[in-house]
Amino acid sequence: MWALLVMVVFQNAGSIGIRPKRYTIEWMQANRERERQENTNPVTRYLDRRRTERGGTWIAQYALPWHPYWLWMHNTHDPDYPEFYLEKPESPHLHYEDYKRMDVPFTAPEE
């Protein structure tokens, strides 16, 4: 187990401090907007909603980190996309409860 842990840390040590734009808060919001417009993955959202209706179910994709840069990307913004600005990140993809607001865009309100 120790060797596996050391191997993973050693392989990922080269990416420490790298902040890819695709994991910024604005890009994640833009991705959610694209998924909303295209209505991608409606079956998965339906199944996730059904699982939670049946009882207390922990769905890992809504709680676990989903990219290797999550330690230092928690509050990284991209100034190129101010229309998707958020103070802090939400879920990276459409949540199963987002089906209630599929007609509302994820863009920030105009000031």
PDB file of N, CA and C in Angstrom:
ATOM      1  N   MET A   1       0.824  -1.186   0.000  1.00  0.00           N
ATOM      2  CA  MET A   1       0.000   0.000   0.000  1.00  0.00           C
ATOM      3  C   MET A   1       0.875   1.259   0.000  1.00  0.00           C
ATOM      4  N   TRP A   2       1.933   1.231   0.786  1.00  0.00           N
ATOM      5  CA  TRP A   2       2.834   2.374   0.853  1.00  0.00           C
ATOM      6  C   TRP A   2       3.471   2.643  -0.505  1.00  0.00           C
ATOM      7  N   ALA A   3       3.877   1.581  -1.200  1.00  0.00           N
ATOM      8  CA  ALA A   3       4.504   1.740  -2.512  1.00  0.00           C
ATOM      9  C   ALA A   3       3.517   2.347  -3.514  1.00  0.00           C
ATOM     10  N   LEU A   4       2.268   1.941  -3.447  1.00  0.00           N
ATOM     11  CA  LEU A   4       1.254   2.492  -4.336  1.00  0.00           C
ATOM     12  C   LEU A   4       1.036   3.982  -4.068  1.00  0.00           C
ATOM     13  N   LEU A   5       0.986   4.359  -2.815  1.00  0.00           N
ATOM     14  CA  LEU A   5       0.818   5.758  -2.451  1.00  0.00           C
ATOM     15  C   LEU A   5       2.001   6.605  -2.930  1.00  0.00           C
ATOM     16  N   VAL A   6       3.207   6.130  -2.712  1.00  0.00           N
ATOM     17  CA  VAL A   6       4.403   6.846  -3.148  1.00  0.00           C
ATOM     18  C   VAL A   6       4.432   6.965  -4.668  1.00  0.00           C
ATOM     19  N   MET A   7       4.028   5.908  -5.366  1.00  0.00           N
ATOM     20  CA  MET A   7       4.018   5.921  -6.816  1.00  0.00           C
ATOM     21  C   MET A   7       3.035   6.978  -7.344  1.00  0.00           C
ATOM     22  N   VAL A   8       1.847   7.056  -6.763  1.00  0.00           N
ATOM     23  CA  VAL A   8       0.847   8.039  -7.204  1.00  0.00           C
ATOM     24  C   VAL A   8       1.338   9.454  -6.926  1.00  0.00           C
ATOM     25  N   VAL A   9       1.907   9.694  -5.757  1.00  0.00           N
ATOM     26  CA  VAL A   9       2.424  11.027  -5.429  1.00  0.00           C
ATOM     27  C   VAL A   9       3.568  11.394  -6.365  1.00  0.00           C
ATOM     28  N   PHE A  10       4.463  10.468  -6.632  1.00  0.00           N
ATOM     29  CA  PHE A  10       5.602  10.737  -7.504  1.00  0.00           C
ATOM     30  C   PHE A  10       5.153  11.040  -8.933  1.00  0.00           C
ATOM     31  N   GLN A  11       4.164  10.307  -9.442  1.00  0.00           N
ATOM     32  CA  GLN A  11       3.700  10.527 -10.809  1.00  0.00           C
ATOM     33  C   GLN A  11       2.967  11.860 -10.958  1.00  0.00           C
ATOM     34  N   ASN A  12       2.282  12.285  -9.920  1.00  0.00           N
ATOM     35  CA  ASN A  12       1.511  13.520 -10.004  1.00  0.00           C
ATOM     36  C   ASN A  12       2.269  14.738  -9.486  1.00  0.00           C
ATOM     37  N   ALA A  13       3.482  14.585  -9.028  1.00  0.00           N
ATOM     38  CA  ALA A  13       4.233  15.703  -8.474  1.00  0.00           C
ATOM     39  C   ALA A  13       4.549  16.763  -9.523  1.00  0.00           C
ATOM     40  N   GLY A  14       4.635  16.378 -10.773  1.00  0.00           N
ATOM     41  CA  GLY A  14       4.930  17.343 -11.828  1.00  0.00           C
ATOM     42  C   GLY A  14       3.791  18.303 -12.115  1.00  0.00           C
ATOM     43  N   SER A  15       2.579  17.988 -11.675  1.00  0.00           N
ATOM     44  CA  SER A  15       1.436  18.859 -11.961  1.00  0.00           C
ATOM     45  C   SER A  15       1.076  19.769 -10.790  1.00  0.00           C
ATOM     46  N   ILE A  16       1.886  19.788  -9.754  1.00  0.00           N
ATOM     47  CA  ILE A  16       1.587  20.641  -8.600  1.00  0.00           C
ATOM     48  C   ILE A  16       1.693  22.104  -9.014  1.00  0.00           C
ATOM     49  N   GLY A  17       0.659  22.850  -8.728  1.00  0.00           N
ATOM     50  CA  GLY A  17       0.628  24.266  -9.043  1.00  0.00           C
ATOM     51  C   GLY A  17       0.096  24.616 -10.421  1.00  0.00           C
ATOM     52  N   ILE A  18      -0.093  23.638 -11.287  1.00  0.00           N
ATOM     53  CA  ILE A  18      -0.636  23.890 -12.615  1.00  0.00           C
ATOM     54  C   ILE A  18      -2.134  24.127 -12.483  1.00  0.00           C
ATOM     55  N   ARG A  19      -2.636  25.172 -13.150  1.00  0.00           N
ATOM     56  CA  ARG A  19      -4.055  25.519 -13.062  1.00  0.00           C
ATOM     57  C   ARG A  19      -4.663  25.558 -14.471  1.00  0.00           C
ATOM     58  N   PRO A  20      -5.107  24.420 -14.972  1.00  0.00           N
ATOM     59  CA  PRO A  20      -5.712  24.415 -16.307  1.00  0.00           C
ATOM     60  C   PRO A  20      -7.020  25.211 -16.321  1.00  0.00           C
ATOM     61  N   LYS A  21      -7.267  25.922 -17.413  1.00  0.00           N
ATOM     62  CA  LYS A  21      -8.473  26.744 -17.511  1.00  0.00           C
ATOM     63  C   LYS A  21      -9.743  25.917 -17.461  1.00  0.00           C
ATOM     64  N   ARG A  22      -9.706  24.683 -17.931  1.00  0.00           N
ATOM     65  CA  ARG A  22     -10.931  23.891 -17.980  1.00  0.00           C
ATOM     66  C   ARG A  22     -11.457  23.526 -16.599  1.00  0.00           C
ATOM     67  N   TYR A  23     -10.680  23.769 -15.536  1.00  0.00           N
ATOM     68  CA  TYR A  23     -11.152  23.493 -14.178  1.00  0.00           C
ATOM     69  C   TYR A  23     -11.427  24.772 -13.390  1.00  0.00           C
ATOM     70  N   THR A  24     -11.432  25.932 -14.038  1.00  0.00           N
ATOM     71  CA  THR A  24     -11.785  27.165 -13.341  1.00  0.00           C
ATOM     72  C   THR A  24     -13.296  27.202 -13.127  1.00  0.00           C
ATOM     73  N   ILE A  25     -13.730  28.030 -12.202  1.00  0.00           N
ATOM     74  CA  ILE A  25     -15.139  28.100 -11.846  1.00  0.00           C
ATOM     75  C   ILE A  25     -15.974  28.530 -13.053  1.00  0.00           C
ATOM     76  N   GLU A  26     -15.481  29.489 -13.818  1.00  0.00           N
ATOM     77  CA  GLU A  26     -16.238  29.981 -14.967  1.00  0.00           C
ATOM     78  C   GLU A  26     -16.377  28.914 -16.055  1.00  0.00           C
ATOM     79  N   TRP A  27     -15.333  28.136 -16.277  1.00  0.00           N
ATOM     80  CA  TRP A  27     -15.429  27.080 -17.295  1.00  0.00           C
ATOM     81  C   TRP A  27     -16.378  25.984 -16.843  1.00  0.00           C
ATOM     82  N   MET A  28     -16.392  25.684 -15.546  1.00  0.00           N
ATOM     83  CA  MET A  28     -17.335  24.669 -15.063  1.00  0.00           C
ATOM     84  C   MET A  28     -18.773  25.155 -15.219  1.00  0.00           C
ATOM     85  N   GLN A  29     -19.016  26.449 -14.971  1.00  0.00           N
ATOM     86  CA  GLN A  29     -20.359  27.002 -15.168  1.00  0.00           C
ATOM     87  C   GLN A  29     -20.732  26.993 -16.651  1.00  0.00           C
ATOM     88  N   ALA A  30     -19.782  27.321 -17.518  1.00  0.00           N
ATOM     89  CA  ALA A  30     -20.051  27.283 -18.957  1.00  0.00           C
ATOM     90  C   ALA A  30     -20.353  25.855 -19.410  1.00  0.00           C
ATOM     91  N   ASN A  31     -19.672  24.886 -18.825  1.00  0.00           N
ATOM     92  CA  ASN A  31     -19.933  23.485 -19.153  1.00  0.00           C
ATOM     93  C   ASN A  31     -21.336  23.080 -18.701  1.00  0.00           C
ATOM     94  N   ARG A  32     -21.729  23.532 -17.522  1.00  0.00           N
ATOM     95  CA  ARG A  32     -23.088  23.242 -17.049  1.00  0.00           C
ATOM     96  C   ARG A  32     -24.125  23.890 -17.952  1.00  0.00           C
ATOM     97  N   GLU A  33     -23.852  25.094 -18.439  1.00  0.00           N
ATOM     98  CA  GLU A  33     -24.776  25.763 -19.356  1.00  0.00           C
ATOM     99  C   GLU A  33     -24.883  24.992 -20.672  1.00  0.00           C
ATOM    100  N   ARG A  34     -23.755  24.511 -21.170  1.00  0.00           N
ATOM    101  CA  ARG A  34     -23.785  23.704 -22.393  1.00  0.00           C
ATOM    102  C   ARG A  34     -24.592  22.433 -22.180  1.00  0.00           C
ATOM    103  N   GLU A  35     -24.385  21.775 -21.043  1.00  0.00           N
ATOM    104  CA  GLU A  35     -25.157  20.566 -20.746  1.00  0.00           C
ATOM    105  C   GLU A  35     -26.640  20.890 -20.620  1.00  0.00           C
ATOM    106  N   ARG A  36     -26.970  22.047 -20.052  1.00  0.00           N
ATOM    107  CA  ARG A  36     -28.374  22.429 -19.916  1.00  0.00           C
ATOM    108  C   ARG A  36     -29.002  22.659 -21.278  1.00  0.00           C
ATOM    109  N   GLN A  37     -28.290  23.371 -22.163  1.00  0.00           N
ATOM    110  CA  GLN A  37     -28.834  23.669 -23.485  1.00  0.00           C
ATOM    111  C   GLN A  37     -28.989  22.415 -24.337  1.00  0.00           C
ATOM    112  N   GLU A  38     -28.021  21.520 -24.244  1.00  0.00           N
ATOM    113  CA  GLU A  38     -28.072  20.302 -25.049  1.00  0.00           C
ATOM    114  C   GLU A  38     -28.862  19.196 -24.365  1.00  0.00           C
ATOM    115  N   ASN A  39     -29.226  19.413 -23.099  1.00  0.00           N
ATOM    116  CA  ASN A  39     -29.929  18.415 -22.292  1.00  0.00           C
ATOM    117  C   ASN A  39     -29.177  17.082 -22.297  1.00  0.00           C
ATOM    118  N   THR A  40     -27.884  17.163 -22.033  1.00  0.00           N
ATOM    119  CA  THR A  40     -27.068  15.963 -22.052  1.00  0.00           C
ATOM    120  C   THR A  40     -27.299  15.137 -20.794  1.00  0.00           C
ATOM    121  N   ASN A  41     -27.242  13.871 -20.941  1.00  0.00           N
ATOM    122  CA  ASN A  41     -27.300  12.899 -19.861  1.00  0.00           C
ATOM    123  C   ASN A  41     -28.579  12.968 -19.030  1.00  0.00           C
ATOM    124  N   PRO A  42     -29.767  13.064 -19.635  1.00  0.00           N
ATOM    125  CA  PRO A  42     -30.987  13.126 -18.836  1.00  0.00           C
ATOM    126  C   PRO A  42     -31.295  11.816 -18.122  1.00  0.00           C
ATOM    127  N   VAL A  43     -30.851  10.696 -18.682  1.00  0.00           N
ATOM    128  CA  VAL A  43     -31.141   9.405 -18.053  1.00  0.00           C
ATOM    129  C   VAL A  43     -30.397   9.273 -16.731  1.00  0.00           C
ATOM    130  N   THR A  44     -29.143   9.688 -16.694  1.00  0.00           N
ATOM    131  CA  THR A  44     -28.372   9.616 -15.447  1.00  0.00           C
ATOM    132  C   THR A  44     -28.984  10.504 -14.379  1.00  0.00           C
ATOM    133  N   ARG A  45     -29.400  11.710 -14.748  1.00  0.00           N
ATOM    134  CA  ARG A  45     -30.048  12.581 -13.770  1.00  0.00           C
ATOM    135  C   ARG A  45     -31.334  11.960 -13.254  1.00  0.00           C
ATOM    136  N   TYR A  46     -32.091  11.319 -14.140  1.00  0.00           N
ATOM    137  CA  TYR A  46     -33.323  10.662 -13.721  1.00  0.00           C
ATOM    138  C   TYR A  46     -33.025   9.523 -12.751  1.00  0.00           C
ATOM    139  N   LEU A  47     -32.030   8.707 -13.069  1.00  0.00           N
ATOM    140  CA  LEU A  47     -31.691   7.581 -12.195  1.00  0.00           C
ATOM    141  C   LEU A  47     -31.157   8.062 -10.851  1.00  0.00           C
ATOM    142  N   ASP A  48     -30.347   9.128 -10.847  1.00  0.00           N
ATOM    143  CA  ASP A  48     -29.852   9.673  -9.585  1.00  0.00           C
ATOM    144  C   ASP A  48     -30.996  10.207  -8.735  1.00  0.00           C
ATOM    145  N   ARG A  49     -31.961  10.864  -9.376  1.00  0.00           N
ATOM    146  CA  ARG A  49     -33.105  11.382  -8.644  1.00  0.00           C
ATOM    147  C   ARG A  49     -33.918  10.227  -8.059  1.00  0.00           C
ATOM    148  N   ARG A  50     -34.094   9.170  -8.815  1.00  0.00           N
ATOM    149  CA  ARG A  50     -34.842   8.006  -8.319  1.00  0.00           C
ATOM    150  C   ARG A  50     -34.130   7.355  -7.136  1.00  0.00           C
ATOM    151  N   ARG A  51     -32.802   7.294  -7.190  1.00  0.00           N
ATOM    152  CA  ARG A  51     -32.046   6.701  -6.078  1.00  0.00           C
ATOM    153  C   ARG A  51     -32.238   7.500  -4.799  1.00  0.00           C
ATOM    154  N   THR A  52     -32.254   8.823  -4.906  1.00  0.00           N
ATOM    155  CA  THR A  52     -32.421   9.638  -3.702  1.00  0.00           C
ATOM    156  C   THR A  52     -33.861   9.626  -3.211  1.00  0.00           C
ATOM    157  N   GLU A  53     -34.822   9.425  -4.101  1.00  0.00           N
ATOM    158  CA  GLU A  53     -36.214   9.337  -3.666  1.00  0.00           C
ATOM    159  C   GLU A  53     -36.464   8.073  -2.854  1.00  0.00           C
ATOM    160  N   ARG A  54     -35.704   7.020  -3.109  1.00  0.00           N
ATOM    161  CA  ARG A  54     -35.904   5.752  -2.395  1.00  0.00           C
ATOM    162  C   ARG A  54     -35.284   5.742  -1.012  1.00  0.00           C
ATOM    163  N   GLY A  55     -34.445   6.693  -0.711  1.00  0.00           N
ATOM    164  CA  GLY A  55     -33.851   6.704   0.622  1.00  0.00           C
ATOM    165  C   GLY A  55     -32.514   7.409   0.623  1.00  0.00           C
ATOM    166  N   GLY A  56     -31.887   7.415   1.791  1.00  0.00           N
ATOM    167  CA  GLY A  56     -30.605   8.075   1.944  1.00  0.00           C
ATOM    168  C   GLY A  56     -29.524   7.374   1.160  1.00  0.00           C
ATOM    169  N   THR A  57     -29.184   7.921   0.021  1.00  0.00           N
ATOM    170  CA  THR A  57     -28.170   7.339  -0.835  1.00  0.00           C
ATOM    171  C   THR A  57     -27.093   8.369  -1.096  1.00  0.00           C
ATOM    172  N   TRP A  58     -25.850   7.978  -0.864  1.00  0.00           N
ATOM    173  CA  TRP A  58     -24.729   8.859  -1.127  1.00  0.00           C
ATOM    174  C   TRP A  58     -24.237   8.598  -2.540  1.00  0.00           C
ATOM    175  N   ILE A  59     -24.299   9.603  -3.393  1.00  0.00           N
ATOM    176  CA  ILE A  59     -23.854   9.462  -4.777  1.00  0.00           C
ATOM    177  C   ILE A  59     -22.472  10.095  -4.872  1.00  0.00           C
ATOM    178  N   ALA A  60     -21.481   9.282  -5.157  1.00  0.00           N
ATOM    179  CA  ALA A  60     -20.081   9.713  -5.081  1.00  0.00           C
ATOM    180  C   ALA A  60     -19.745  10.845  -6.036  1.00  0.00           C
ATOM    181  N   GLN A  61     -20.345  10.876  -7.219  1.00  0.00           N
ATOM    182  CA  GLN A  61     -19.955  11.894  -8.206  1.00  0.00           C
ATOM    183  C   GLN A  61     -20.306  13.306  -7.762  1.00  0.00           C
ATOM    184  N   TYR A  62     -21.179  13.457  -6.778  1.00  0.00           N
ATOM    185  CA  TYR A  62     -21.533  14.781  -6.293  1.00  0.00           C
ATOM    186  C   TYR A  62     -20.702  15.199  -5.083  1.00  0.00           C
ATOM    187  N   ALA A  63     -19.874  14.316  -4.554  1.00  0.00           N
ATOM    188  CA  ALA A  63     -19.121  14.630  -3.347  1.00  0.00           C
ATOM    189  C   ALA A  63     -17.602  14.517  -3.505  1.00  0.00           C
ATOM    190  N   LEU A  64     -17.133  13.635  -4.349  1.00  0.00           N
ATOM    191  CA  LEU A  64     -15.695  13.397  -4.476  1.00  0.00           C
ATOM    192  C   LEU A  64     -15.065  14.350  -5.488  1.00  0.00           C
ATOM    193  N   PRO A  65     -13.776  14.658  -5.320  1.00  0.00           N
ATOM    194  CA  PRO A  65     -13.088  15.477  -6.326  1.00  0.00           C
ATOM    195  C   PRO A  65     -13.015  14.716  -7.644  1.00  0.00           C
ATOM    196  N   TRP A  66     -13.136  15.431  -8.742  1.00  0.00           N
ATOM    197  CA  TRP A  66     -13.215  14.769 -10.035  1.00  0.00           C
ATOM    198  C   TRP A  66     -12.072  15.143 -10.968  1.00  0.00           C
ATOM    199  N   HIS A  67     -11.073  15.871 -10.490  1.00  0.00           N
ATOM    200  CA  HIS A  67      -9.882  16.126 -11.291  1.00  0.00           C
ATOM    201  C   HIS A  67      -8.671  16.182 -10.358  1.00  0.00           C
ATOM    202  N   PRO A  68      -7.469  15.932 -10.879  1.00  0.00           N
ATOM    203  CA  PRO A  68      -6.289  15.836 -10.021  1.00  0.00           C
ATOM    204  C   PRO A  68      -5.782  17.165  -9.474  1.00  0.00           C
ATOM    205  N   TYR A  69      -6.377  18.284  -9.872  1.00  0.00           N
ATOM    206  CA  TYR A  69      -5.909  19.596  -9.440  1.00  0.00           C
ATOM    207  C   TYR A  69      -6.785  20.191  -8.340  1.00  0.00           C
ATOM    208  N   TRP A  70      -7.648  19.405  -7.741  1.00  0.00           N
ATOM    209  CA  TRP A  70      -8.653  19.923  -6.813  1.00  0.00           C
ATOM    210  C   TRP A  70      -8.053  20.553  -5.570  1.00  0.00           C
ATOM    211  N   LEU A  71      -6.844  20.195  -5.180  1.00  0.00           N
ATOM    212  CA  LEU A  71      -6.248  20.775  -3.970  1.00  0.00           C
ATOM    213  C   LEU A  71      -5.979  22.268  -4.113  1.00  0.00           C
ATOM    214  N   TRP A  72      -5.529  22.705  -5.284  1.00  0.00           N
ATOM    215  CA  TRP A  72      -5.178  24.121  -5.456  1.00  0.00           C
ATOM    216  C   TRP A  72      -6.063  24.841  -6.483  1.00  0.00           C
ATOM    217  N   MET A  73      -7.131  24.208  -6.928  1.00  0.00           N
ATOM    218  CA  MET A  73      -8.034  24.848  -7.895  1.00  0.00           C
ATOM    219  C   MET A  73      -9.379  25.216  -7.277  1.00  0.00           C
ATOM    220  N   HIS A  74      -9.504  25.224  -5.973  1.00  0.00           N
ATOM    221  CA  HIS A  74     -10.804  25.439  -5.346  1.00  0.00           C
ATOM    222  C   HIS A  74     -11.327  26.862  -5.508  1.00  0.00           C
ATOM    223  N   ASN A  75     -10.473  27.843  -5.746  1.00  0.00           N
ATOM    224  CA  ASN A  75     -10.933  29.223  -5.866  1.00  0.00           C
ATOM    225  C   ASN A  75     -10.201  29.936  -7.006  1.00  0.00           C
ATOM    226  N   THR A  76     -10.150  29.309  -8.170  1.00  0.00           N
ATOM    227  CA  THR A  76      -9.451  29.866  -9.315  1.00  0.00           C
ATOM    228  C   THR A  76     -10.460  30.389 -10.322  1.00  0.00           C
ATOM    229  N   HIS A  77     -10.290  31.637 -10.738  1.00  0.00           N
ATOM    230  CA  HIS A  77     -11.226  32.272 -11.669  1.00  0.00           C
ATOM    231  C   HIS A  77     -10.551  32.544 -13.006  1.00  0.00           C
ATOM    232  N   ASP A  78     -11.378  32.631 -14.046  1.00  0.00           N
ATOM    233  CA  ASP A  78     -10.918  32.946 -15.390  1.00  0.00           C
ATOM    234  C   ASP A  78     -11.552  34.266 -15.806  1.00  0.00           C
ATOM    235  N   PRO A  79     -10.774  35.343 -15.924  1.00  0.00           N
ATOM    236  CA  PRO A  79     -11.356  36.649 -16.252  1.00  0.00           C
ATOM    237  C   PRO A  79     -11.882  36.748 -17.682  1.00  0.00           C
ATOM    238  N   ASP A  80     -11.601  35.758 -18.529  1.00  0.00           N
ATOM    239  CA  ASP A  80     -12.078  35.802 -19.915  1.00  0.00           C
ATOM    240  C   ASP A  80     -13.577  35.539 -20.037  1.00  0.00           C
ATOM    241  N   TYR A  81     -14.205  34.984 -19.010  1.00  0.00           N
ATOM    242  CA  TYR A  81     -15.621  34.643 -19.069  1.00  0.00           C
ATOM    243  C   TYR A  81     -16.370  35.237 -17.884  1.00  0.00           C
ATOM    244  N   PRO A  82     -16.550  36.554 -17.847  1.00  0.00           N
ATOM    245  CA  PRO A  82     -17.225  37.162 -16.693  1.00  0.00           C
ATOM    246  C   PRO A  82     -18.715  36.825 -16.623  1.00  0.00           C
ATOM    247  N   GLU A  83     -19.296  36.379 -17.730  1.00  0.00           N
ATOM    248  CA  GLU A  83     -20.726  36.077 -17.700  1.00  0.00           C
ATOM    249  C   GLU A  83     -21.046  34.812 -16.907  1.00  0.00           C
ATOM    250  N   PHE A  84     -20.039  34.014 -16.579  1.00  0.00           N
ATOM    251  CA  PHE A  84     -20.245  32.806 -15.791  1.00  0.00           C
ATOM    252  C   PHE A  84     -19.612  32.904 -14.400  1.00  0.00           C
ATOM    253  N   TYR A  85     -19.370  34.121 -13.925  1.00  0.00           N
ATOM    254  CA  TYR A  85     -18.672  34.314 -12.648  1.00  0.00           C
ATOM    255  C   TYR A  85     -19.512  33.813 -11.472  1.00  0.00           C
ATOM    256  N   LEU A  86     -18.862  33.107 -10.554  1.00  0.00           N
ATOM    257  CA  LEU A  86     -19.438  32.682  -9.276  1.00  0.00           C
ATOM    258  C   LEU A  86     -18.406  32.943  -8.193  1.00  0.00           C
ATOM    259  N   GLU A  87     -18.865  33.216  -6.984  1.00  0.00           N
ATOM    260  CA  GLU A  87     -17.933  33.427  -5.867  1.00  0.00           C
ATOM    261  C   GLU A  87     -17.165  32.158  -5.548  1.00  0.00           C
ATOM    262  N   LYS A  88     -17.878  31.047  -5.400  1.00  0.00           N
ATOM    263  CA  LYS A  88     -17.236  29.765  -5.098  1.00  0.00           C
ATOM    264  C   LYS A  88     -17.819  28.697  -6.007  1.00  0.00           C
ATOM    265  N   PRO A  89     -17.090  27.626  -6.237  1.00  0.00           N
ATOM    266  CA  PRO A  89     -17.541  26.621  -7.203  1.00  0.00           C
ATOM    267  C   PRO A  89     -18.749  25.830  -6.707  1.00  0.00           C
ATOM    268  N   GLU A  90     -19.583  25.435  -7.659  1.00  0.00           N
ATOM    269  CA  GLU A  90     -20.680  24.517  -7.395  1.00  0.00           C
ATOM    270  C   GLU A  90     -20.284  23.163  -7.967  1.00  0.00           C
ATOM    271  N   SER A  91     -21.235  22.301  -8.194  1.00  0.00           N
ATOM    272  CA  SER A  91     -20.906  21.010  -8.778  1.00  0.00           C
ATOM    273  C   SER A  91     -20.440  21.210 -10.223  1.00  0.00           C
ATOM    274  N   PRO A  92     -19.508  20.393 -10.698  1.00  0.00           N
ATOM    275  CA  PRO A  92     -18.946  20.615 -12.027  1.00  0.00           C
ATOM    276  C   PRO A  92     -19.899  20.277 -13.166  1.00  0.00           C
ATOM    277  N   HIS A  93     -20.872  19.415 -12.919  1.00  0.00           N
ATOM    278  CA  HIS A  93     -21.808  19.017 -13.960  1.00  0.00           C
ATOM    279  C   HIS A  93     -23.224  19.227 -13.441  1.00  0.00           C
ATOM    280  N   LEU A  94     -24.189  19.006 -14.291  1.00  0.00           N
ATOM    281  CA  LEU A  94     -25.574  19.169 -13.872  1.00  0.00           C
ATOM    282  C   LEU A  94     -25.906  18.210 -12.739  1.00  0.00           C
ATOM    283  N   HIS A  95     -26.492  18.729 -11.703  1.00  0.00           N
ATOM    284  CA  HIS A  95     -26.921  17.942 -10.564  1.00  0.00           C
ATOM    285  C   HIS A  95     -28.285  17.355 -10.879  1.00  0.00           C
ATOM    286  N   TYR A  96     -28.658  16.286 -10.190  1.00  0.00           N
ATOM    287  CA  TYR A  96     -29.947  15.677 -10.495  1.00  0.00           C
ATOM    288  C   TYR A  96     -31.117  16.585 -10.128  1.00  0.00           C
ATOM    289  N   GLU A  97     -30.893  17.590  -9.268  1.00  0.00           N
ATOM    290  CA  GLU A  97     -31.966  18.524  -8.940  1.00  0.00           C
ATOM    291  C   GLU A  97     -32.020  19.711  -9.906  1.00  0.00           C
ATOM    292  N   ASP A  98     -31.081  19.790 -10.836  1.00  0.00           N
ATOM    293  CA  ASP A  98     -31.087  20.878 -11.808  1.00  0.00           C
ATOM    294  C   ASP A  98     -32.170  20.713 -12.864  1.00  0.00           C
ATOM    295  N   TYR A  99     -32.819  19.552 -12.909  1.00  0.00           N
ATOM    296  CA  TYR A  99     -33.891  19.383 -13.892  1.00  0.00           C
ATOM    297  C   TYR A  99     -35.042  20.341 -13.606  1.00  0.00           C
ATOM    298  N   LYS A 100     -35.137  20.836 -12.372  1.00  0.00           N
ATOM    299  CA  LYS A 100     -36.197  21.780 -12.006  1.00  0.00           C
ATOM    300  C   LYS A 100     -35.970  23.152 -12.632  1.00  0.00           C
ATOM    301  N   ARG A 101     -34.733  23.453 -12.984  1.00  0.00           N
ATOM    302  CA  ARG A 101     -34.406  24.783 -13.508  1.00  0.00           C
ATOM    303  C   ARG A 101     -33.762  24.715 -14.888  1.00  0.00           C
ATOM    304  N   MET A 102     -34.188  23.785 -15.703  1.00  0.00           N
ATOM    305  CA  MET A 102     -33.589  23.615 -17.021  1.00  0.00           C
ATOM    306  C   MET A 102     -33.900  24.790 -17.953  1.00  0.00           C
ATOM    307  N   ASP A 103     -34.871  25.627 -17.614  1.00  0.00           N
ATOM    308  CA  ASP A 103     -35.178  26.766 -18.460  1.00  0.00           C
ATOM    309  C   ASP A 103     -34.439  28.028 -18.028  1.00  0.00           C
ATOM    310  N   VAL A 104     -33.680  27.959 -16.939  1.00  0.00           N
ATOM    311  CA  VAL A 104     -32.939  29.116 -16.418  1.00  0.00           C
ATOM    312  C   VAL A 104     -31.463  28.955 -16.755  1.00  0.00           C
ATOM    313  N   PRO A 105     -30.848  29.885 -17.472  1.00  0.00           N
ATOM    314  CA  PRO A 105     -29.425  29.745 -17.807  1.00  0.00           C
ATOM    315  C   PRO A 105     -28.527  29.923 -16.593  1.00  0.00           C
ATOM    316  N   PHE A 106     -27.309  29.428 -16.688  1.00  0.00           N
ATOM    317  CA  PHE A 106     -26.343  29.504 -15.609  1.00  0.00           C
ATOM    318  C   PHE A 106     -25.473  30.745 -15.691  1.00  0.00           C
ATOM    319  N   THR A 107     -25.801  31.677 -16.554  1.00  0.00           N
ATOM    320  CA  THR A 107     -24.997  32.884 -16.677  1.00  0.00           C
ATOM    321  C   THR A 107     -25.245  33.803 -15.485  1.00  0.00           C
ATOM    322  N   ALA A 108     -24.229  34.611 -15.172  1.00  0.00           N
ATOM    323  CA  ALA A 108     -24.339  35.557 -14.058  1.00  0.00           C
ATOM    324  C   ALA A 108     -25.245  36.713 -14.467  1.00  0.00           C
ATOM    325  N   PRO A 109     -25.957  37.308 -13.530  1.00  0.00           N
ATOM    326  CA  PRO A 109     -26.824  38.447 -13.875  1.00  0.00           C
ATOM    327  C   PRO A 109     -25.998  39.657 -14.325  1.00  0.00           C
ATOM    328  N   GLU A 110     -26.535  40.390 -15.256  1.00  0.00           N
ATOM    329  CA  GLU A 110     -25.853  41.587 -15.775  1.00  0.00           C
ATOM    330  C   GLU A 110     -25.877  42.696 -14.717  1.00  0.00           C
ATOM    331  N   GLU A 111     -24.777  43.432 -14.621  1.00  0.00           N
ATOM    332  CA  GLU A 111     -24.712  44.523 -13.647  1.00  0.00           C
ATOM    333  C   GLU A 111     -24.694  45.852 -14.339  1.00  0.00           C
TER     334      GLU A 111
END
